[in-house]
Amino acid sequence: IPFSVNLKEDEESIVENFYETFHGKFINIKYLLTANIPRGYLHRPLTATMEFTIESDRDDLPERRSPPQMVIFNITQNTARHQLLSEIIIGGFRVTGKIATQCSLQDPLSGELTVEASSVP
């Protein structure tokens, strides 16, 4: 399932409200993307969180030495951290995907998502 997320609104750009990602000794600015999958009345939702980086306009950045790469990720019942792990293992699922390592705020965040196996149709 290809996906894309644009980080600016139609009426006015919110790009100026974002700060660049920074990891210093006493100050950290980081952004997290959280996916939450509700599973029904008696089951708690599955949640995964991944950090992503925000950089300035491409014109302001120094010349990149390496081209952007696609990072492959896997989410399975074995990699999921959840309180109801025994129920997750019985159900079984496997989600794989790719996401770009470098992206601009002016472009949509893009990648691929594939549900390879799921006990729930």
N, C-alpha and C. Protein backbone atom coordinates (compact mmCIF):
# COMPACT_ATOMS: atom_id res chain seq x y z
N ILE A 1 0.86 -1.16 0.00
CA ILE A 1 0.00 0.00 0.00
C ILE A 1 0.91 1.23 0.00
N PRO A 2 1.05 1.92 -1.12
CA PRO A 2 1.85 3.15 -1.12
C PRO A 2 1.18 4.23 -0.27
N PHE A 3 1.97 5.06 0.38
CA PHE A 3 1.39 6.14 1.18
C PHE A 3 2.19 7.41 1.00
N SER A 4 1.57 8.52 1.38
CA SER A 4 2.20 9.83 1.24
C SER A 4 1.56 10.77 2.24
N VAL A 5 2.37 11.58 2.94
CA VAL A 5 1.88 12.53 3.92
C VAL A 5 2.48 13.88 3.61
N ASN A 6 1.63 14.89 3.43
CA ASN A 6 2.11 16.24 3.16
C ASN A 6 2.08 17.03 4.46
N LEU A 7 3.16 17.72 4.79
CA LEU A 7 3.26 18.43 6.06
C LEU A 7 2.97 19.92 5.94
N LYS A 8 2.06 20.30 5.06
CA LYS A 8 1.64 21.71 5.02
C LYS A 8 0.16 21.77 4.67
N GLU A 9 -0.50 22.82 5.16
CA GLU A 9 -1.93 22.99 4.94
C GLU A 9 -2.17 23.75 3.65
N ASP A 10 -3.41 23.68 3.13
CA ASP A 10 -3.75 24.37 1.90
C ASP A 10 -3.80 25.89 2.10
N GLU A 11 -4.41 26.34 3.22
CA GLU A 11 -4.59 27.78 3.42
C GLU A 11 -3.26 28.50 3.63
N GLU A 12 -2.45 28.02 4.53
CA GLU A 12 -1.17 28.67 4.80
C GLU A 12 -0.14 27.60 5.13
N SER A 13 1.08 27.88 4.80
CA SER A 13 2.15 26.92 5.02
C SER A 13 2.51 26.88 6.50
N ILE A 14 2.63 25.67 7.05
CA ILE A 14 3.06 25.53 8.44
C ILE A 14 4.53 25.12 8.51
N VAL A 15 5.21 25.15 7.37
CA VAL A 15 6.62 24.75 7.34
C VAL A 15 7.45 25.61 8.27
N GLU A 16 7.14 26.91 8.37
CA GLU A 16 7.91 27.80 9.22
C GLU A 16 7.77 27.44 10.70
N ASN A 17 6.71 26.73 11.08
CA ASN A 17 6.50 26.37 12.47
C ASN A 17 7.32 25.16 12.91
N PHE A 18 7.90 24.43 11.97
CA PHE A 18 8.72 23.28 12.31
C PHE A 18 10.17 23.73 12.50
N TYR A 19 10.82 23.18 13.50
CA TYR A 19 12.25 23.41 13.70
C TYR A 19 13.00 22.21 13.14
N GLU A 20 14.24 22.43 12.74
CA GLU A 20 15.05 21.32 12.27
C GLU A 20 15.30 20.35 13.42
N THR A 21 15.42 19.07 13.07
CA THR A 21 15.76 18.07 14.06
C THR A 21 17.15 18.36 14.61
N PHE A 22 17.29 18.29 15.93
CA PHE A 22 18.57 18.60 16.56
C PHE A 22 18.76 17.70 17.77
N HIS A 23 19.92 17.10 17.87
CA HIS A 23 20.27 16.28 19.04
C HIS A 23 21.53 16.87 19.65
N GLY A 24 21.37 17.62 20.71
CA GLY A 24 22.51 18.24 21.40
C GLY A 24 22.71 17.62 22.76
N LYS A 25 23.59 18.24 23.53
CA LYS A 25 23.89 17.71 24.86
C LYS A 25 22.74 17.94 25.82
N PHE A 26 22.14 19.13 25.78
CA PHE A 26 21.07 19.46 26.72
C PHE A 26 19.72 19.70 26.04
N ILE A 27 19.72 19.88 24.73
CA ILE A 27 18.48 20.19 24.01
C ILE A 27 18.30 19.19 22.87
N ASN A 28 17.10 18.64 22.76
CA ASN A 28 16.75 17.75 21.66
C ASN A 28 15.46 18.24 21.02
N ILE A 29 15.46 18.30 19.71
CA ILE A 29 14.23 18.57 18.95
C ILE A 29 14.04 17.36 18.05
N LYS A 30 12.97 16.61 18.29
CA LYS A 30 12.74 15.43 17.47
C LYS A 30 11.26 15.30 17.16
N TYR A 31 10.97 14.60 16.10
CA TYR A 31 9.60 14.39 15.64
C TYR A 31 9.35 12.90 15.53
N LEU A 32 8.20 12.49 16.01
CA LEU A 32 7.84 11.08 16.00
C LEU A 32 6.57 10.87 15.19
N LEU A 33 6.56 9.80 14.42
CA LEU A 33 5.38 9.39 13.66
C LEU A 33 4.83 8.15 14.36
N THR A 34 3.58 8.21 14.80
CA THR A 34 2.97 7.11 15.53
C THR A 34 1.80 6.55 14.73
N ALA A 35 1.80 5.23 14.56
CA ALA A 35 0.68 4.55 13.90
C ALA A 35 -0.07 3.77 14.97
N ASN A 36 -1.39 3.91 14.98
CA ASN A 36 -2.23 3.25 15.96
C ASN A 36 -3.28 2.44 15.22
N ILE A 37 -3.34 1.13 15.48
CA ILE A 37 -4.30 0.25 14.81
C ILE A 37 -5.29 -0.26 15.85
N PRO A 38 -6.54 0.24 15.82
CA PRO A 38 -7.55 -0.27 16.76
C PRO A 38 -7.92 -1.71 16.40
N ARG A 39 -8.17 -2.55 17.43
CA ARG A 39 -8.39 -3.96 17.16
C ARG A 39 -9.73 -4.49 17.67
N GLY A 40 -10.61 -3.66 18.10
CA GLY A 40 -11.89 -4.17 18.55
C GLY A 40 -12.13 -3.89 20.02
N TYR A 41 -13.30 -4.29 20.48
CA TYR A 41 -13.75 -3.95 21.82
C TYR A 41 -12.89 -4.56 22.92
N LEU A 42 -12.56 -5.84 22.84
CA LEU A 42 -11.83 -6.51 23.91
C LEU A 42 -10.32 -6.50 23.74
N HIS A 43 -9.82 -5.94 22.67
CA HIS A 43 -8.38 -5.94 22.42
C HIS A 43 -7.85 -4.51 22.46
N ARG A 44 -6.66 -4.37 22.97
CA ARG A 44 -6.01 -3.06 22.97
C ARG A 44 -5.44 -2.80 21.58
N PRO A 45 -5.33 -1.53 21.21
CA PRO A 45 -4.80 -1.22 19.88
C PRO A 45 -3.30 -1.50 19.79
N LEU A 46 -2.83 -1.80 18.57
CA LEU A 46 -1.40 -1.95 18.32
C LEU A 46 -0.84 -0.58 17.99
N THR A 47 0.31 -0.25 18.53
CA THR A 47 0.91 1.06 18.31
C THR A 47 2.39 0.90 17.97
N ALA A 48 2.85 1.64 16.96
CA ALA A 48 4.27 1.67 16.60
C ALA A 48 4.68 3.12 16.42
N THR A 49 5.88 3.47 16.85
CA THR A 49 6.38 4.84 16.75
C THR A 49 7.76 4.83 16.09
N MET A 50 7.97 5.80 15.18
CA MET A 50 9.25 5.92 14.49
C MET A 50 9.64 7.39 14.44
N GLU A 51 10.91 7.68 14.67
CA GLU A 51 11.40 9.06 14.62
C GLU A 51 11.75 9.41 13.18
N PHE A 52 11.47 10.67 12.78
CA PHE A 52 11.90 11.13 11.47
C PHE A 52 12.58 12.49 11.61
N THR A 53 13.36 12.87 10.60
CA THR A 53 14.20 14.05 10.64
C THR A 53 13.62 15.16 9.79
N ILE A 54 13.71 16.40 10.27
CA ILE A 54 13.29 17.58 9.50
C ILE A 54 14.53 18.42 9.24
N GLU A 55 14.73 18.81 7.96
CA GLU A 55 15.86 19.63 7.57
C GLU A 55 15.35 20.86 6.84
N SER A 56 16.24 21.85 6.64
CA SER A 56 15.89 23.08 5.94
C SER A 56 15.64 22.82 4.46
N ASP A 57 15.31 23.91 3.74
CA ASP A 57 15.14 23.81 2.29
C ASP A 57 16.36 23.19 1.65
N ARG A 58 16.14 22.55 0.53
CA ARG A 58 17.25 21.90 -0.17
C ARG A 58 18.31 22.90 -0.60
N ASP A 59 17.90 24.12 -0.96
CA ASP A 59 18.86 25.13 -1.41
C ASP A 59 19.83 25.52 -0.30
N ASP A 60 19.37 25.48 0.97
CA ASP A 60 20.21 25.88 2.09
C ASP A 60 21.12 24.77 2.58
N LEU A 61 20.83 23.52 2.18
CA LEU A 61 21.62 22.40 2.66
C LEU A 61 22.92 22.27 1.89
N PRO A 62 23.99 21.83 2.54
CA PRO A 62 25.22 21.56 1.80
C PRO A 62 25.01 20.38 0.85
N GLU A 63 25.89 20.25 -0.10
CA GLU A 63 25.79 19.16 -1.08
C GLU A 63 25.80 17.82 -0.35
N ARG A 64 24.83 16.97 -0.66
CA ARG A 64 24.76 15.67 -0.01
C ARG A 64 25.76 14.72 -0.66
N ARG A 65 26.45 13.99 0.18
CA ARG A 65 27.44 13.05 -0.34
C ARG A 65 26.82 11.74 -0.76
N SER A 66 25.73 11.36 -0.14
CA SER A 66 25.08 10.10 -0.49
C SER A 66 23.64 10.37 -0.89
N PRO A 67 23.15 9.66 -1.89
CA PRO A 67 21.76 9.86 -2.31
C PRO A 67 20.80 9.30 -1.26
N PRO A 68 19.55 9.76 -1.26
CA PRO A 68 18.58 9.21 -0.31
C PRO A 68 18.39 7.72 -0.56
N GLN A 69 18.20 6.99 0.52
CA GLN A 69 18.00 5.55 0.41
C GLN A 69 16.64 5.20 0.99
N MET A 70 16.15 4.04 0.62
CA MET A 70 14.91 3.53 1.19
C MET A 70 15.28 2.56 2.31
N VAL A 71 14.73 2.78 3.50
CA VAL A 71 14.95 1.91 4.64
C VAL A 71 13.81 0.91 4.70
N ILE A 72 14.14 -0.36 4.82
CA ILE A 72 13.14 -1.41 4.89
C ILE A 72 12.79 -1.66 6.35
N PHE A 73 11.50 -1.79 6.65
CA PHE A 73 11.09 -2.11 8.02
C PHE A 73 10.13 -3.29 8.00
N ASN A 74 10.12 -4.03 9.11
CA ASN A 74 9.24 -5.19 9.29
C ASN A 74 8.56 -5.06 10.64
N ILE A 75 7.27 -5.33 10.67
CA ILE A 75 6.53 -5.38 11.92
C ILE A 75 5.82 -6.73 11.94
N THR A 76 6.16 -7.56 12.93
CA THR A 76 5.53 -8.87 13.08
C THR A 76 5.07 -9.02 14.52
N GLN A 77 4.41 -10.14 14.78
CA GLN A 77 4.00 -10.40 16.16
C GLN A 77 5.22 -10.56 17.07
N ASN A 78 6.37 -10.93 16.52
CA ASN A 78 7.59 -11.08 17.33
C ASN A 78 8.27 -9.74 17.61
N THR A 79 8.11 -8.76 16.73
CA THR A 79 8.75 -7.46 16.95
C THR A 79 7.84 -6.47 17.67
N ALA A 80 6.55 -6.76 17.74
CA ALA A 80 5.60 -5.86 18.40
C ALA A 80 5.79 -5.94 19.91
N ARG A 81 5.81 -4.78 20.56
CA ARG A 81 5.88 -4.72 22.02
C ARG A 81 4.48 -4.37 22.52
N HIS A 82 3.84 -5.34 23.10
CA HIS A 82 2.46 -5.14 23.51
C HIS A 82 2.18 -5.97 24.75
N GLN A 83 1.29 -5.48 25.62
CA GLN A 83 0.96 -6.19 26.84
C GLN A 83 0.24 -7.51 26.56
N LEU A 84 -0.49 -7.58 25.48
CA LEU A 84 -1.24 -8.79 25.14
C LEU A 84 -0.47 -9.61 24.10
N LEU A 85 0.83 -9.79 24.31
CA LEU A 85 1.68 -10.44 23.32
C LEU A 85 1.22 -11.86 23.00
N SER A 86 0.71 -12.60 23.99
CA SER A 86 0.27 -13.97 23.72
C SER A 86 -0.88 -14.00 22.71
N GLU A 87 -1.81 -13.05 22.79
CA GLU A 87 -2.90 -12.99 21.83
C GLU A 87 -2.41 -12.58 20.45
N ILE A 88 -1.41 -11.69 20.41
CA ILE A 88 -0.87 -11.25 19.12
C ILE A 88 -0.17 -12.40 18.42
N ILE A 89 0.60 -13.21 19.17
CA ILE A 89 1.33 -14.33 18.57
C ILE A 89 0.35 -15.35 18.02
N ILE A 90 -0.74 -15.61 18.71
CA ILE A 90 -1.74 -16.56 18.21
C ILE A 90 -2.34 -16.05 16.91
N GLY A 91 -2.64 -14.76 16.83
CA GLY A 91 -3.26 -14.20 15.63
C GLY A 91 -2.33 -14.20 14.44
N GLY A 92 -1.13 -13.74 14.60
CA GLY A 92 -0.14 -13.72 13.54
C GLY A 92 -0.37 -12.64 12.50
N PHE A 93 0.67 -11.86 12.23
CA PHE A 93 0.62 -10.86 11.16
C PHE A 93 2.04 -10.52 10.76
N ARG A 94 2.18 -9.97 9.56
CA ARG A 94 3.48 -9.49 9.08
C ARG A 94 3.24 -8.31 8.16
N VAL A 95 3.82 -7.16 8.52
CA VAL A 95 3.73 -5.93 7.73
C VAL A 95 5.15 -5.52 7.39
N THR A 96 5.40 -5.26 6.11
CA THR A 96 6.72 -4.79 5.68
C THR A 96 6.54 -3.49 4.91
N GLY A 97 7.63 -2.76 4.75
CA GLY A 97 7.54 -1.53 4.00
C GLY A 97 8.89 -0.88 3.80
N LYS A 98 8.86 0.26 3.11
CA LYS A 98 10.06 1.05 2.85
C LYS A 98 9.70 2.51 3.09
N ILE A 99 10.67 3.28 3.60
CA ILE A 99 10.49 4.71 3.78
C ILE A 99 11.82 5.40 3.46
N ALA A 100 11.75 6.56 2.84
CA ALA A 100 12.95 7.28 2.43
C ALA A 100 13.71 7.82 3.63
N THR A 101 15.05 7.80 3.55
CA THR A 101 15.88 8.29 4.65
C THR A 101 16.03 9.80 4.64
N GLN A 102 15.82 10.45 3.49
CA GLN A 102 15.92 11.90 3.39
C GLN A 102 14.69 12.41 2.65
N CYS A 103 14.05 13.44 3.20
CA CYS A 103 12.91 14.03 2.52
C CYS A 103 12.78 15.49 2.95
N SER A 104 12.15 16.27 2.10
CA SER A 104 11.98 17.70 2.34
C SER A 104 10.56 17.97 2.83
N LEU A 105 10.37 19.06 3.59
CA LEU A 105 9.02 19.42 4.02
C LEU A 105 8.15 19.87 2.86
N GLN A 106 8.77 20.31 1.76
CA GLN A 106 7.99 20.74 0.60
C GLN A 106 7.46 19.55 -0.19
N ASP A 107 8.01 18.35 0.03
CA ASP A 107 7.56 17.15 -0.67
C ASP A 107 6.80 16.26 0.29
N PRO A 108 5.87 15.45 -0.22
CA PRO A 108 5.17 14.50 0.65
C PRO A 108 6.13 13.44 1.19
N LEU A 109 5.88 12.98 2.40
CA LEU A 109 6.60 11.85 2.96
C LEU A 109 6.06 10.61 2.26
N SER A 110 6.93 9.82 1.66
CA SER A 110 6.42 8.71 0.85
C SER A 110 7.16 7.42 1.15
N GLY A 111 6.54 6.33 0.77
CA GLY A 111 7.12 5.01 0.97
C GLY A 111 6.15 3.94 0.51
N GLU A 112 6.37 2.73 0.97
CA GLU A 112 5.52 1.60 0.62
C GLU A 112 5.16 0.84 1.89
N LEU A 113 3.98 0.25 1.89
CA LEU A 113 3.51 -0.54 3.02
C LEU A 113 2.82 -1.77 2.45
N THR A 114 3.20 -2.97 2.93
CA THR A 114 2.62 -4.21 2.45
C THR A 114 2.19 -5.06 3.64
N VAL A 115 0.93 -5.46 3.66
CA VAL A 115 0.44 -6.41 4.66
C VAL A 115 0.62 -7.79 4.04
N GLU A 116 1.66 -8.51 4.48
CA GLU A 116 1.97 -9.81 3.88
C GLU A 116 1.13 -10.93 4.47
N ALA A 117 0.81 -10.85 5.75
CA ALA A 117 0.01 -11.88 6.39
C ALA A 117 -0.79 -11.26 7.53
N SER A 118 -2.01 -11.76 7.70
CA SER A 118 -2.86 -11.28 8.79
C SER A 118 -3.91 -12.33 9.09
N SER A 119 -4.12 -12.62 10.36
CA SER A 119 -5.16 -13.58 10.72
C SER A 119 -6.54 -12.95 10.61
N VAL A 120 -6.59 -11.62 10.59
CA VAL A 120 -7.86 -10.91 10.43
C VAL A 120 -7.95 -10.43 8.98
N PRO A 121 -9.02 -10.79 8.25
CA PRO A 121 -9.11 -10.38 6.83
C PRO A 121 -9.25 -8.88 6.66
